[in-house]
mmCIF file of all heavy atoms, coordinates in Angstrom:
data_MODEL
# 
_entry.id   MODEL 
# 
loop_
_atom_site.group_PDB 
_atom_site.id 
_atom_site.type_symbol 
_atom_site.label_atom_id 
_atom_site.label_alt_id 
_atom_site.label_comp_id 
_atom_site.label_asym_id 
_atom_site.label_entity_id 
_atom_site.label_seq_id 
_atom_site.pdbx_PDB_ins_code 
_atom_site.Cartn_x 
_atom_site.Cartn_y 
_atom_site.Cartn_z 
_atom_site.occupancy 
_atom_site.B_iso_or_equiv 
_atom_site.pdbx_formal_charge 
_atom_site.auth_seq_id 
_atom_site.auth_comp_id 
_atom_site.auth_asym_id 
_atom_site.auth_atom_id 
_atom_site.pdbx_PDB_model_num 
ATOM 1   N N   . SER A 1 1  ? 79.075 -14.038 6.671  1.00 0.00 ? 1  SER A N   1 
ATOM 2   C CA  . SER A 1 1  ? 78.138 -13.562 7.709  1.00 0.00 ? 1  SER A CA  1 
ATOM 3   C C   . SER A 1 1  ? 76.756 -13.258 7.153  1.00 0.00 ? 1  SER A C   1 
ATOM 4   O O   . SER A 1 1  ? 76.132 -12.259 7.512  1.00 0.00 ? 1  SER A O   1 
ATOM 5   C CB  . SER A 1 1  ? 78.711 -12.333 8.424  1.00 0.00 ? 1  SER A CB  1 
ATOM 6   O OG  . SER A 1 1  ? 79.946 -12.648 9.008  1.00 0.00 ? 1  SER A OG  1 
ATOM 7   N N   . LEU A 1 2  ? 76.293 -14.138 6.265  1.00 0.00 ? 2  LEU A N   1 
ATOM 8   C CA  . LEU A 1 2  ? 74.961 -13.996 5.682  1.00 0.00 ? 2  LEU A CA  1 
ATOM 9   C C   . LEU A 1 2  ? 74.010 -14.998 6.316  1.00 0.00 ? 2  LEU A C   1 
ATOM 10  O O   . LEU A 1 2  ? 74.433 -16.056 6.775  1.00 0.00 ? 2  LEU A O   1 
ATOM 11  C CB  . LEU A 1 2  ? 75.009 -14.278 4.174  1.00 0.00 ? 2  LEU A CB  1 
ATOM 12  C CG  . LEU A 1 2  ? 75.986 -13.452 3.343  1.00 0.00 ? 2  LEU A CG  1 
ATOM 13  C CD1 . LEU A 1 2  ? 76.047 -13.981 1.915  1.00 0.00 ? 2  LEU A CD1 1 
ATOM 14  C CD2 . LEU A 1 2  ? 75.606 -11.985 3.367  1.00 0.00 ? 2  LEU A CD2 1 
ATOM 15  N N   . SER A 1 3  ? 72.729 -14.676 6.323  1.00 0.00 ? 3  SER A N   1 
ATOM 16  C CA  . SER A 1 3  ? 71.735 -15.667 6.713  1.00 0.00 ? 3  SER A CA  1 
ATOM 17  C C   . SER A 1 3  ? 71.039 -16.154 5.442  1.00 0.00 ? 3  SER A C   1 
ATOM 18  O O   . SER A 1 3  ? 71.100 -15.510 4.397  1.00 0.00 ? 3  SER A O   1 
ATOM 19  C CB  . SER A 1 3  ? 70.746 -15.098 7.730  1.00 0.00 ? 3  SER A CB  1 
ATOM 20  O OG  . SER A 1 3  ? 70.038 -14.012 7.191  1.00 0.00 ? 3  SER A OG  1 
ATOM 21  N N   . VAL A 1 4  ? 70.383 -17.301 5.538  1.00 0.00 ? 4  VAL A N   1 
ATOM 22  C CA  . VAL A 1 4  ? 69.803 -17.964 4.368  1.00 0.00 ? 4  VAL A CA  1 
ATOM 23  C C   . VAL A 1 4  ? 68.308 -18.156 4.548  1.00 0.00 ? 4  VAL A C   1 
ATOM 24  O O   . VAL A 1 4  ? 67.855 -18.652 5.582  1.00 0.00 ? 4  VAL A O   1 
ATOM 25  C CB  . VAL A 1 4  ? 70.475 -19.346 4.155  1.00 0.00 ? 4  VAL A CB  1 
ATOM 26  C CG1 . VAL A 1 4  ? 69.820 -20.090 2.997  1.00 0.00 ? 4  VAL A CG1 1 
ATOM 27  C CG2 . VAL A 1 4  ? 71.972 -19.200 3.933  1.00 0.00 ? 4  VAL A CG2 1 
ATOM 28  N N   . ILE A 1 5  ? 67.548 -17.785 3.523  1.00 0.00 ? 5  ILE A N   1 
ATOM 29  C CA  . ILE A 1 5  ? 66.124 -18.099 3.467  1.00 0.00 ? 5  ILE A CA  1 
ATOM 30  C C   . ILE A 1 5  ? 66.013 -19.341 2.572  1.00 0.00 ? 5  ILE A C   1 
ATOM 31  O O   . ILE A 1 5  ? 66.391 -19.293 1.397  1.00 0.00 ? 5  ILE A O   1 
ATOM 32  C CB  . ILE A 1 5  ? 65.297 -16.943 2.863  1.00 0.00 ? 5  ILE A CB  1 
ATOM 33  C CG1 . ILE A 1 5  ? 65.418 -15.682 3.726  1.00 0.00 ? 5  ILE A CG1 1 
ATOM 34  C CG2 . ILE A 1 5  ? 63.833 -17.354 2.715  1.00 0.00 ? 5  ILE A CG2 1 
ATOM 35  C CD1 . ILE A 1 5  ? 64.809 -14.444 3.096  1.00 0.00 ? 5  ILE A CD1 1 
ATOM 36  N N   . PRO A 1 6  ? 65.519 -20.446 3.104  1.00 0.00 ? 6  PRO A N   1 
ATOM 37  C CA  . PRO A 1 6  ? 65.446 -21.682 2.323  1.00 0.00 ? 6  PRO A CA  1 
ATOM 38  C C   . PRO A 1 6  ? 64.127 -21.823 1.551  1.00 0.00 ? 6  PRO A C   1 
ATOM 39  O O   . PRO A 1 6  ? 63.307 -22.692 1.836  1.00 0.00 ? 6  PRO A O   1 
ATOM 40  C CB  . PRO A 1 6  ? 65.598 -22.768 3.388  1.00 0.00 ? 6  PRO A CB  1 
ATOM 41  C CG  . PRO A 1 6  ? 64.959 -22.165 4.602  1.00 0.00 ? 6  PRO A CG  1 
ATOM 42  C CD  . PRO A 1 6  ? 65.229 -20.682 4.522  1.00 0.00 ? 6  PRO A CD  1 
ATOM 43  N N   . THR A 1 7  ? 63.909 -20.968 0.555  1.00 0.00 ? 7  THR A N   1 
ATOM 44  C CA  . THR A 1 7  ? 62.684 -21.024 -0.222 1.00 0.00 ? 7  THR A CA  1 
ATOM 45  C C   . THR A 1 7  ? 62.583 -22.327 -1.017 1.00 0.00 ? 7  THR A C   1 
ATOM 46  O O   . THR A 1 7  ? 61.505 -22.904 -1.148 1.00 0.00 ? 7  THR A O   1 
ATOM 47  C CB  . THR A 1 7  ? 62.585 -19.812 -1.172 1.00 0.00 ? 7  THR A CB  1 
ATOM 48  O OG1 . THR A 1 7  ? 62.528 -18.633 -0.369 1.00 0.00 ? 7  THR A OG1 1 
ATOM 49  C CG2 . THR A 1 7  ? 61.353 -19.879 -2.060 1.00 0.00 ? 7  THR A CG2 1 
ATOM 50  N N   . CYS A 1 8  ? 63.689 -22.790 -1.543 1.00 0.00 ? 8  CYS A N   1 
ATOM 51  C CA  . CYS A 1 8  ? 63.701 -24.038 -2.318 1.00 0.00 ? 8  CYS A CA  1 
ATOM 52  C C   . CYS A 1 8  ? 63.264 -25.201 -1.430 1.00 0.00 ? 8  CYS A C   1 
ATOM 53  O O   . CYS A 1 8  ? 63.778 -25.382 -0.328 1.00 0.00 ? 8  CYS A O   1 
ATOM 54  C CB  . CYS A 1 8  ? 65.106 -24.289 -2.858 1.00 0.00 ? 8  CYS A CB  1 
ATOM 55  S SG  . CYS A 1 8  ? 65.326 -25.917 -3.580 1.00 0.00 ? 8  CYS A SG  1 
ATOM 56  N N   . SER A 1 9  ? 62.315 -25.993 -1.922 1.00 0.00 ? 9  SER A N   1 
ATOM 57  C CA  . SER A 1 9  ? 61.796 -27.094 -1.109 1.00 0.00 ? 9  SER A CA  1 
ATOM 58  C C   . SER A 1 9  ? 62.844 -28.163 -0.818 1.00 0.00 ? 9  SER A C   1 
ATOM 59  O O   . SER A 1 9  ? 62.803 -28.793 0.236  1.00 0.00 ? 9  SER A O   1 
ATOM 60  C CB  . SER A 1 9  ? 60.574 -27.724 -1.773 1.00 0.00 ? 9  SER A CB  1 
ATOM 61  O OG  . SER A 1 9  ? 60.916 -28.262 -3.031 1.00 0.00 ? 9  SER A OG  1 
ATOM 62  N N   . TYR A 1 10 ? 63.802 -28.367 -1.708 1.00 0.00 ? 10 TYR A N   1 
ATOM 63  C CA  . TYR A 1 10 ? 64.861 -29.350 -1.417 1.00 0.00 ? 10 TYR A CA  1 
ATOM 64  C C   . TYR A 1 10 ? 65.646 -28.890 -0.186 1.00 0.00 ? 10 TYR A C   1 
ATOM 65  O O   . TYR A 1 10 ? 65.930 -29.676 0.710  1.00 0.00 ? 10 TYR A O   1 
ATOM 66  C CB  . TYR A 1 10 ? 65.817 -29.551 -2.607 1.00 0.00 ? 10 TYR A CB  1 
ATOM 67  C CG  . TYR A 1 10 ? 66.994 -30.414 -2.198 1.00 0.00 ? 10 TYR A CG  1 
ATOM 68  C CD1 . TYR A 1 10 ? 66.862 -31.798 -2.130 1.00 0.00 ? 10 TYR A CD1 1 
ATOM 69  C CD2 . TYR A 1 10 ? 68.201 -29.848 -1.794 1.00 0.00 ? 10 TYR A CD2 1 
ATOM 70  C CE1 . TYR A 1 10 ? 67.914 -32.592 -1.686 1.00 0.00 ? 10 TYR A CE1 1 
ATOM 71  C CE2 . TYR A 1 10 ? 69.256 -30.630 -1.357 1.00 0.00 ? 10 TYR A CE2 1 
ATOM 72  C CZ  . TYR A 1 10 ? 69.103 -32.003 -1.310 1.00 0.00 ? 10 TYR A CZ  1 
ATOM 73  O OH  . TYR A 1 10 ? 70.137 -32.794 -0.855 1.00 0.00 ? 10 TYR A OH  1 
ATOM 74  N N   . VAL A 1 11 ? 65.963 -27.610 -0.140 1.00 0.00 ? 11 VAL A N   1 
ATOM 75  C CA  . VAL A 1 11 ? 66.745 -27.082 0.989  1.00 0.00 ? 11 VAL A CA  1 
ATOM 76  C C   . VAL A 1 11 ? 65.956 -27.200 2.282  1.00 0.00 ? 11 VAL A C   1 
ATOM 77  O O   . VAL A 1 11 ? 66.464 -27.715 3.288  1.00 0.00 ? 11 VAL A O   1 
ATOM 78  C CB  . VAL A 1 11 ? 67.163 -25.614 0.735  1.00 0.00 ? 11 VAL A CB  1 
ATOM 79  C CG1 . VAL A 1 11 ? 67.935 -25.065 1.928  1.00 0.00 ? 11 VAL A CG1 1 
ATOM 80  C CG2 . VAL A 1 11 ? 67.999 -25.518 -0.535 1.00 0.00 ? 11 VAL A CG2 1 
ATOM 81  N N   . SER A 1 12 ? 64.695 -26.755 2.266  1.00 0.00 ? 12 SER A N   1 
ATOM 82  C CA  . SER A 1 12 ? 63.904 -26.737 3.505  1.00 0.00 ? 12 SER A CA  1 
ATOM 83  C C   . SER A 1 12 ? 63.440 -28.117 3.940  1.00 0.00 ? 12 SER A C   1 
ATOM 84  O O   . SER A 1 12 ? 63.408 -28.413 5.135  1.00 0.00 ? 12 SER A O   1 
ATOM 85  C CB  . SER A 1 12 ? 62.713 -25.799 3.357  1.00 0.00 ? 12 SER A CB  1 
ATOM 86  O OG  . SER A 1 12 ? 61.850 -26.243 2.331  1.00 0.00 ? 12 SER A OG  1 
ATOM 87  N N   . ASP A 1 13 ? 63.100 -28.979 2.986  1.00 0.00 ? 13 ASP A N   1 
ATOM 88  C CA  . ASP A 1 13 ? 62.489 -30.269 3.331  1.00 0.00 ? 13 ASP A CA  1 
ATOM 89  C C   . ASP A 1 13 ? 63.468 -31.437 3.403  1.00 0.00 ? 13 ASP A C   1 
ATOM 90  O O   . ASP A 1 13 ? 63.168 -32.449 4.034  1.00 0.00 ? 13 ASP A O   1 
ATOM 91  C CB  . ASP A 1 13 ? 61.391 -30.619 2.329  1.00 0.00 ? 13 ASP A CB  1 
ATOM 92  C CG  . ASP A 1 13 ? 60.268 -29.591 2.317  1.00 0.00 ? 13 ASP A CG  1 
ATOM 93  O OD1 . ASP A 1 13 ? 60.209 -28.752 3.236  1.00 0.00 ? 13 ASP A OD1 1 
ATOM 94  O OD2 . ASP A 1 13 ? 59.461 -29.615 1.373  1.00 0.00 ? 13 ASP A OD2 1 
ATOM 95  N N   . THR A 1 14 ? 64.604 -31.324 2.729  1.00 0.00 ? 14 THR A N   1 
ATOM 96  C CA  . THR A 1 14 ? 65.544 -32.442 2.683  1.00 0.00 ? 14 THR A CA  1 
ATOM 97  C C   . THR A 1 14 ? 66.908 -32.085 3.266  1.00 0.00 ? 14 THR A C   1 
ATOM 98  O O   . THR A 1 14 ? 67.381 -32.737 4.194  1.00 0.00 ? 14 THR A O   1 
ATOM 99  C CB  . THR A 1 14 ? 65.714 -32.945 1.226  1.00 0.00 ? 14 THR A CB  1 
ATOM 100 O OG1 . THR A 1 14 ? 64.420 -33.306 0.719  1.00 0.00 ? 14 THR A OG1 1 
ATOM 101 C CG2 . THR A 1 14 ? 66.632 -34.158 1.164  1.00 0.00 ? 14 THR A CG2 1 
ATOM 102 N N   . PHE A 1 15 ? 67.541 -31.036 2.736  1.00 0.00 ? 15 PHE A N   1 
ATOM 103 C CA  . PHE A 1 15 ? 68.903 -30.719 3.168  1.00 0.00 ? 15 PHE A CA  1 
ATOM 104 C C   . PHE A 1 15 ? 68.978 -30.308 4.639  1.00 0.00 ? 15 PHE A C   1 
ATOM 105 O O   . PHE A 1 15 ? 69.789 -30.846 5.390  1.00 0.00 ? 15 PHE A O   1 
ATOM 106 C CB  . PHE A 1 15 ? 69.513 -29.620 2.284  1.00 0.00 ? 15 PHE A CB  1 
ATOM 107 C CG  . PHE A 1 15 ? 70.915 -29.254 2.685  1.00 0.00 ? 15 PHE A CG  1 
ATOM 108 C CD1 . PHE A 1 15 ? 71.983 -30.091 2.387  1.00 0.00 ? 15 PHE A CD1 1 
ATOM 109 C CD2 . PHE A 1 15 ? 71.177 -28.082 3.387  1.00 0.00 ? 15 PHE A CD2 1 
ATOM 110 C CE1 . PHE A 1 15 ? 73.279 -29.765 2.779  1.00 0.00 ? 15 PHE A CE1 1 
ATOM 111 C CE2 . PHE A 1 15 ? 72.460 -27.751 3.778  1.00 0.00 ? 15 PHE A CE2 1 
ATOM 112 C CZ  . PHE A 1 15 ? 73.525 -28.595 3.463  1.00 0.00 ? 15 PHE A CZ  1 
ATOM 113 N N   . LEU A 1 16 ? 68.140 -29.360 5.048  1.00 0.00 ? 16 LEU A N   1 
ATOM 114 C CA  . LEU A 1 16 ? 68.222 -28.893 6.442  1.00 0.00 ? 16 LEU A CA  1 
ATOM 115 C C   . LEU A 1 16 ? 67.858 -29.972 7.460  1.00 0.00 ? 16 LEU A C   1 
ATOM 116 O O   . LEU A 1 16 ? 68.560 -30.110 8.465  1.00 0.00 ? 16 LEU A O   1 
ATOM 117 C CB  . LEU A 1 16 ? 67.390 -27.630 6.642  1.00 0.00 ? 16 LEU A CB  1 
ATOM 118 C CG  . LEU A 1 16 ? 68.024 -26.370 6.037  1.00 0.00 ? 16 LEU A CG  1 
ATOM 119 C CD1 . LEU A 1 16 ? 67.053 -25.206 6.079  1.00 0.00 ? 16 LEU A CD1 1 
ATOM 120 C CD2 . LEU A 1 16 ? 69.326 -26.019 6.751  1.00 0.00 ? 16 LEU A CD2 1 
ATOM 121 N N   . PRO A 1 17 ? 66.800 -30.773 7.234  1.00 0.00 ? 17 PRO A N   1 
ATOM 122 C CA  . PRO A 1 17 ? 66.542 -31.860 8.196  1.00 0.00 ? 17 PRO A CA  1 
ATOM 123 C C   . PRO A 1 17 ? 67.702 -32.856 8.299  1.00 0.00 ? 17 PRO A C   1 
ATOM 124 O O   . PRO A 1 17 ? 67.960 -33.393 9.371  1.00 0.00 ? 17 PRO A O   1 
ATOM 125 C CB  . PRO A 1 17 ? 65.277 -32.532 7.642  1.00 0.00 ? 17 PRO A CB  1 
ATOM 126 C CG  . PRO A 1 17 ? 64.573 -31.432 6.913  1.00 0.00 ? 17 PRO A CG  1 
ATOM 127 C CD  . PRO A 1 17 ? 65.687 -30.625 6.279  1.00 0.00 ? 17 PRO A CD  1 
ATOM 128 N N   . ARG A 1 18 ? 68.405 -33.077 7.206  1.00 0.00 ? 18 ARG A N   1 
ATOM 129 C CA  . ARG A 1 18 ? 69.545 -34.001 7.218  1.00 0.00 ? 18 ARG A CA  1 
ATOM 130 C C   . ARG A 1 18 ? 70.817 -33.347 7.754  1.00 0.00 ? 18 ARG A C   1 
ATOM 131 O O   . ARG A 1 18 ? 71.775 -34.045 8.117  1.00 0.00 ? 18 ARG A O   1 
ATOM 132 C CB  . ARG A 1 18 ? 69.837 -34.512 5.806  1.00 0.00 ? 18 ARG A CB  1 
ATOM 133 C CG  . ARG A 1 18 ? 68.779 -35.442 5.263  1.00 0.00 ? 18 ARG A CG  1 
ATOM 134 C CD  . ARG A 1 18 ? 69.142 -35.888 3.860  1.00 0.00 ? 18 ARG A CD  1 
ATOM 135 N NE  . ARG A 1 18 ? 68.099 -36.715 3.278  1.00 0.00 ? 18 ARG A NE  1 
ATOM 136 C CZ  . ARG A 1 18 ? 68.075 -37.111 2.012  1.00 0.00 ? 18 ARG A CZ  1 
ATOM 137 N NH1 . ARG A 1 18 ? 69.055 -36.762 1.190  1.00 0.00 ? 18 ARG A NH1 1 
ATOM 138 N NH2 . ARG A 1 18 ? 67.092 -37.859 1.568  1.00 0.00 ? 18 ARG A NH2 1 
ATOM 139 N N   . ASN A 1 19 ? 70.850 -32.019 7.756  1.00 0.00 ? 19 ASN A N   1 
ATOM 140 C CA  . ASN A 1 19 ? 72.041 -31.269 8.168  1.00 0.00 ? 19 ASN A CA  1 
ATOM 141 C C   . ASN A 1 19 ? 71.650 -30.141 9.123  1.00 0.00 ? 19 ASN A C   1 
ATOM 142 O O   . ASN A 1 19 ? 71.805 -28.958 8.814  1.00 0.00 ? 19 ASN A O   1 
ATOM 143 C CB  . ASN A 1 19 ? 72.747 -30.681 6.929  1.00 0.00 ? 19 ASN A CB  1 
ATOM 144 C CG  . ASN A 1 19 ? 73.189 -31.755 5.972  1.00 0.00 ? 19 ASN A CG  1 
ATOM 145 O OD1 . ASN A 1 19 ? 74.260 -32.326 6.109  1.00 0.00 ? 19 ASN A OD1 1 
ATOM 146 N ND2 . ASN A 1 19 ? 72.344 -32.060 4.987  1.00 0.00 ? 19 ASN A ND2 1 
ATOM 147 N N   . PRO A 1 20 ? 71.130 -30.500 10.318 1.00 0.00 ? 20 PRO A N   1 
ATOM 148 C CA  . PRO A 1 20 ? 70.603 -29.476 11.234 1.00 0.00 ? 20 PRO A CA  1 
ATOM 149 C C   . PRO A 1 20 ? 71.658 -28.493 11.744 1.00 0.00 ? 20 PRO A C   1 
ATOM 150 O O   . PRO A 1 20 ? 71.302 -27.429 12.255 1.00 0.00 ? 20 PRO A O   1 
ATOM 151 C CB  . PRO A 1 20 ? 70.011 -30.304 12.373 1.00 0.00 ? 20 PRO A CB  1 
ATOM 152 C CG  . PRO A 1 20 ? 70.702 -31.626 12.302 1.00 0.00 ? 20 PRO A CG  1 
ATOM 153 C CD  . PRO A 1 20 ? 71.002 -31.859 10.844 1.00 0.00 ? 20 PRO A CD  1 
ATOM 154 N N   . ASN A 1 21 ? 72.934 -28.823 11.575 1.00 0.00 ? 21 ASN A N   1 
ATOM 155 C CA  . ASN A 1 21 ? 73.990 -27.905 11.995 1.00 0.00 ? 21 ASN A CA  1 
ATOM 156 C C   . ASN A 1 21 ? 73.920 -26.575 11.244 1.00 0.00 ? 21 ASN A C   1 
ATOM 157 O O   . ASN A 1 21 ? 74.421 -25.562 11.729 1.00 0.00 ? 21 ASN A O   1 
ATOM 158 C CB  . ASN A 1 21 ? 75.368 -28.542 11.812 1.00 0.00 ? 21 ASN A CB  1 
ATOM 159 C CG  . ASN A 1 21 ? 75.582 -29.086 10.405 1.00 0.00 ? 21 ASN A CG  1 
ATOM 160 O OD1 . ASN A 1 21 ? 74.751 -29.838 9.882  1.00 0.00 ? 21 ASN A OD1 1 
ATOM 161 N ND2 . ASN A 1 21 ? 76.681 -28.723 9.777  1.00 0.00 ? 21 ASN A ND2 1 
ATOM 162 N N   . TRP A 1 22 ? 73.282 -26.544 10.081 1.00 0.00 ? 22 TRP A N   1 
ATOM 163 C CA  . TRP A 1 22 ? 73.169 -25.298 9.316  1.00 0.00 ? 22 TRP A CA  1 
ATOM 164 C C   . TRP A 1 22 ? 71.997 -24.432 9.773  1.00 0.00 ? 22 TRP A C   1 
ATOM 165 O O   . TRP A 1 22 ? 71.874 -23.288 9.343  1.00 0.00 ? 22 TRP A O   1 
ATOM 166 C CB  . TRP A 1 22 ? 73.020 -25.603 7.820  1.00 0.00 ? 22 TRP A CB  1 
ATOM 167 C CG  . TRP A 1 22 ? 74.283 -26.097 7.196  1.00 0.00 ? 22 TRP A CG  1 
ATOM 168 C CD1 . TRP A 1 22 ? 74.504 -27.333 6.669  1.00 0.00 ? 22 TRP A CD1 1 
ATOM 169 C CD2 . TRP A 1 22 ? 75.509 -25.381 7.041  1.00 0.00 ? 22 TRP A CD2 1 
ATOM 170 N NE1 . TRP A 1 22 ? 75.794 -27.421 6.194  1.00 0.00 ? 22 TRP A NE1 1 
ATOM 171 C CE2 . TRP A 1 22 ? 76.431 -26.245 6.410  1.00 0.00 ? 22 TRP A CE2 1 
ATOM 172 C CE3 . TRP A 1 22 ? 75.918 -24.096 7.376  1.00 0.00 ? 22 TRP A CE3 1 
ATOM 173 C CZ2 . TRP A 1 22 ? 77.733 -25.848 6.111  1.00 0.00 ? 22 TRP A CZ2 1 
ATOM 174 C CZ3 . TRP A 1 22 ? 77.218 -23.708 7.073  1.00 0.00 ? 22 TRP A CZ3 1 
ATOM 175 C CH2 . TRP A 1 22 ? 78.108 -24.573 6.451  1.00 0.00 ? 22 TRP A CH2 1 
ATOM 176 N N   . ASN A 1 23 ? 71.129 -24.934 10.639 1.00 0.00 ? 23 ASN A N   1 
ATOM 177 C CA  . ASN A 1 23 ? 69.970 -24.148 11.081 1.00 0.00 ? 23 ASN A CA  1 
ATOM 178 C C   . ASN A 1 23 ? 70.363 -22.838 11.738 1.00 0.00 ? 23 ASN A C   1 
ATOM 179 O O   . ASN A 1 23 ? 69.575 -21.897 11.766 1.00 0.00 ? 23 ASN A O   1 
ATOM 180 C CB  . ASN A 1 23 ? 69.083 -24.973 12.015 1.00 0.00 ? 23 ASN A CB  1 
ATOM 181 C CG  . ASN A 1 23 ? 68.260 -25.996 11.259 1.00 0.00 ? 23 ASN A CG  1 
ATOM 182 O OD1 . ASN A 1 23 ? 67.835 -25.760 10.140 1.00 0.00 ? 23 ASN A OD1 1 
ATOM 183 N ND2 . ASN A 1 23 ? 68.043 -27.143 11.871 1.00 0.00 ? 23 ASN A ND2 1 
ATOM 184 N N   . SER A 1 24 ? 71.582 -22.766 12.255 1.00 0.00 ? 24 SER A N   1 
ATOM 185 C CA  . SER A 1 24 ? 72.018 -21.551 12.947 1.00 0.00 ? 24 SER A CA  1 
ATOM 186 C C   . SER A 1 24 ? 72.110 -20.345 12.013 1.00 0.00 ? 24 SER A C   1 
ATOM 187 O O   . SER A 1 24 ? 72.051 -19.209 12.477 1.00 0.00 ? 24 SER A O   1 
ATOM 188 C CB  . SER A 1 24 ? 73.375 -21.780 13.622 1.00 0.00 ? 24 SER A CB  1 
ATOM 189 O OG  . SER A 1 24 ? 74.352 -22.079 12.638 1.00 0.00 ? 24 SER A OG  1 
ATOM 190 N N   . ILE A 1 25 ? 72.247 -20.569 10.706 1.00 0.00 ? 25 ILE A N   1 
ATOM 191 C CA  . ILE A 1 25 ? 72.317 -19.417 9.797  1.00 0.00 ? 25 ILE A CA  1 
ATOM 192 C C   . ILE A 1 25 ? 71.047 -19.252 8.949  1.00 0.00 ? 25 ILE A C   1 
ATOM 193 O O   . ILE A 1 25 ? 71.006 -18.412 8.059  1.00 0.00 ? 25 ILE A O   1 
ATOM 194 C CB  . ILE A 1 25 ? 73.578 -19.439 8.908  1.00 0.00 ? 25 ILE A CB  1 
ATOM 195 C CG1 . ILE A 1 25 ? 73.585 -20.623 7.952  1.00 0.00 ? 25 ILE A CG1 1 
ATOM 196 C CG2 . ILE A 1 25 ? 74.840 -19.377 9.753  1.00 0.00 ? 25 ILE A CG2 1 
ATOM 197 C CD1 . ILE A 1 25 ? 74.655 -20.509 6.871  1.00 0.00 ? 25 ILE A CD1 1 
ATOM 198 N N   . VAL A 1 26 ? 70.016 -20.034 9.251  1.00 0.00 ? 26 VAL A N   1 
ATOM 199 C CA  . VAL A 1 26 ? 68.742 -19.842 8.565  1.00 0.00 ? 26 VAL A CA  1 
ATOM 200 C C   . VAL A 1 26 ? 68.127 -18.533 9.053  1.00 0.00 ? 26 VAL A C   1 
ATOM 201 O O   . VAL A 1 26 ? 68.081 -18.261 10.253 1.00 0.00 ? 26 VAL A O   1 
ATOM 202 C CB  . VAL A 1 26 ? 67.783 -21.029 8.820  1.00 0.00 ? 26 VAL A CB  1 
ATOM 203 C CG1 . VAL A 1 26 ? 66.375 -20.718 8.311  1.00 0.00 ? 26 VAL A CG1 1 
ATOM 204 C CG2 . VAL A 1 26 ? 68.321 -22.289 8.152  1.00 0.00 ? 26 VAL A CG2 1 
ATOM 205 N N   . HIS A 1 27 ? 67.681 -17.725 8.113  1.00 0.00 ? 27 HIS A N   1 
ATOM 206 C CA  . HIS A 1 27 ? 67.099 -16.421 8.428  1.00 0.00 ? 27 HIS A CA  1 
ATOM 207 C C   . HIS A 1 27 ? 65.845 -16.602 9.282  1.00 0.00 ? 27 HIS A C   1 
ATOM 208 O O   . HIS A 1 27 ? 64.958 -17.369 8.916  1.00 0.00 ? 27 HIS A O   1 
ATOM 209 C CB  . HIS A 1 27 ? 66.758 -15.686 7.124  1.00 0.00 ? 27 HIS A CB  1 
ATOM 210 C CG  . HIS A 1 27 ? 66.384 -14.253 7.314  1.00 0.00 ? 27 HIS A CG  1 
ATOM 211 N ND1 . HIS A 1 27 ? 67.249 -13.334 7.837  1.00 0.00 ? 27 HIS A ND1 1 
ATOM 212 C CD2 . HIS A 1 27 ? 65.237 -13.606 7.042  1.00 0.00 ? 27 HIS A CD2 1 
ATOM 213 C CE1 . HIS A 1 27 ? 66.656 -12.163 7.880  1.00 0.00 ? 27 HIS A CE1 1 
ATOM 214 N NE2 . HIS A 1 27 ? 65.431 -12.295 7.421  1.00 0.00 ? 27 HIS A NE2 1 
ATOM 215 N N   . LYS A 1 28 ? 65.784 -15.919 10.405 1.00 0.00 ? 28 LYS A N   1 
ATOM 216 C CA  . LYS A 1 28 ? 64.696 -16.137 11.361 1.00 0.00 ? 28 LYS A CA  1 
ATOM 217 C C   . LYS A 1 28 ? 63.420 -15.392 10.998 1.00 0.00 ? 28 LYS A C   1 
ATOM 218 O O   . LYS A 1 28 ? 62.335 -15.885 11.218 1.00 0.00 ? 28 LYS A O   1 
ATOM 219 C CB  . LYS A 1 28 ? 65.135 -15.708 12.769 1.00 0.00 ? 28 LYS A CB  1 
ATOM 220 C CG  . LYS A 1 28 ? 66.368 -16.439 13.263 1.00 0.00 ? 28 LYS A CG  1 
ATOM 221 C CD  . LYS A 1 28 ? 66.162 -17.943 13.355 1.00 0.00 ? 28 LYS A CD  1 
ATOM 222 C CE  . LYS A 1 28 ? 67.363 -18.636 13.916 1.00 0.00 ? 28 LYS A CE  1 
ATOM 223 N NZ  . LYS A 1 28 ? 67.979 -19.638 13.035 1.00 0.00 ? 28 LYS A NZ  1 
# 
């Protein structure tokens, strides 16, 4: 039950766009 801040550019620019199902736990 944690949220994620995607500071790493690979996570924000590559992984999340390719895997949008994880956006629900990205810290708002």
